[in-house]
Amino acid sequence: MPLSIFDLSRGGCFVNSSLEQEPGVTFTMKIDLPRVGWVTLRAETLYARAGYGFAVRFIDVDEATAARLEQGLEDLFDRVL
């Protein structure tokens, strides 16, 4: 299902969602990053904020995926400046 994310970093992000999510749940996320394309990551919920969403950390990220995520973050950062 499509999600809105905020505060994307190398370590995780915040998922804007009205769905309740328990801490410790793992799932796969696919994030479409500019100039990088789709990056597939395993995520684990850390905590939830009722009515807002939940925070996740990325787990078991291989080097190739980490490099693509880093490039996507750099591109996003360059767009802001």
Protein backbone atom coordinates (compact mmCIF):
# COMPACT_ATOMS: atom_id res chain seq x y z
CA MET A 1 0.00 0.00 0.00
CA PRO A 2 1.31 3.51 -0.76
CA LEU A 3 2.66 5.39 2.26
CA SER A 4 3.85 8.92 2.96
CA ILE A 5 7.19 9.09 4.73
CA PHE A 6 8.98 11.88 6.56
CA ASP A 7 12.43 12.39 8.04
CA LEU A 8 14.06 9.84 5.74
CA SER A 9 17.62 9.03 6.77
CA ARG A 10 20.17 6.23 6.37
CA GLY A 11 18.78 4.62 9.50
CA GLY A 12 15.02 4.86 9.00
CA CYS A 13 12.05 7.19 8.63
CA PHE A 14 8.66 8.14 9.99
CA VAL A 15 5.65 6.64 8.21
CA ASN A 16 2.56 8.84 8.14
CA SER A 17 -0.36 6.47 8.66
CA SER A 18 -3.65 6.22 10.49
CA LEU A 19 -3.10 2.46 10.84
CA GLU A 20 -1.98 1.21 14.23
CA GLN A 21 1.42 -0.51 14.25
CA GLU A 22 2.96 -2.38 17.15
CA PRO A 23 6.69 -1.97 17.94
CA GLY A 24 8.92 -4.78 16.68
CA VAL A 25 6.95 -5.57 13.52
CA THR A 26 9.16 -6.13 10.46
CA PHE A 27 8.10 -5.55 6.87
CA THR A 28 9.47 -4.62 3.46
CA MET A 29 9.36 -1.02 2.24
CA LYS A 30 9.93 0.17 -1.31
CA ILE A 31 10.91 3.82 -1.59
CA ASP A 32 11.03 5.64 -4.94
CA LEU A 33 13.97 8.06 -4.84
CA PRO A 34 14.77 10.68 -7.48
CA ARG A 35 17.45 9.59 -9.99
CA VAL A 36 17.95 6.35 -8.03
CA GLY A 37 14.58 4.69 -8.53
CA TRP A 38 13.05 2.11 -6.25
CA VAL A 39 15.03 1.04 -3.18
CA THR A 40 13.77 -2.02 -1.28
CA LEU A 41 14.47 -2.05 2.46
CA ARG A 42 13.56 -4.20 5.45
CA ALA A 43 12.10 -2.08 8.25
CA GLU A 44 11.20 -2.63 11.89
CA THR A 45 8.74 -0.45 13.79
CA LEU A 46 10.20 1.35 16.79
CA TYR A 47 7.23 3.25 18.20
CA ALA A 48 3.87 4.65 17.15
CA ARG A 49 2.22 8.04 17.60
CA ALA A 50 -1.54 7.50 17.64
CA GLY A 51 -3.22 9.34 14.80
CA TYR A 52 0.09 10.27 13.14
CA GLY A 53 1.99 7.13 12.24
CA PHE A 54 5.05 5.20 13.32
CA ALA A 55 8.83 5.32 13.25
CA VAL A 56 10.88 2.58 11.62
CA ARG A 57 14.51 1.66 11.45
CA PHE A 58 16.03 -0.07 8.46
CA ILE A 59 17.51 -3.48 9.20
CA ASP A 60 19.82 -5.88 7.35
CA VAL A 61 20.75 -3.29 4.70
CA ASP A 62 23.35 -4.64 2.29
CA GLU A 63 26.15 -2.41 0.95
CA ALA A 64 24.63 -1.94 -2.52
CA THR A 65 21.27 -0.88 -1.10
CA ALA A 66 22.93 1.42 1.43
CA ALA A 67 24.89 3.09 -1.38
CA ARG A 68 21.71 3.64 -3.44
CA LEU A 69 19.88 5.02 -0.40
CA GLU A 70 22.80 7.35 0.33
CA GLN A 71 22.82 8.60 -3.28
CA GLY A 72 19.06 9.19 -3.15
CA LEU A 73 19.40 11.13 0.10
CA GLU A 74 22.20 13.26 -1.37
CA ASP A 75 20.02 14.03 -4.40
CA LEU A 76 17.09 15.00 -2.15
CA PHE A 77 19.36 17.18 -0.03
CA ASP A 78 20.74 18.93 -3.15
CA ARG A 79 17.17 19.74 -4.25
CA VAL A 80 16.48 21.47 -0.94
CA LEU A 81 19.54 23.72 -1.19
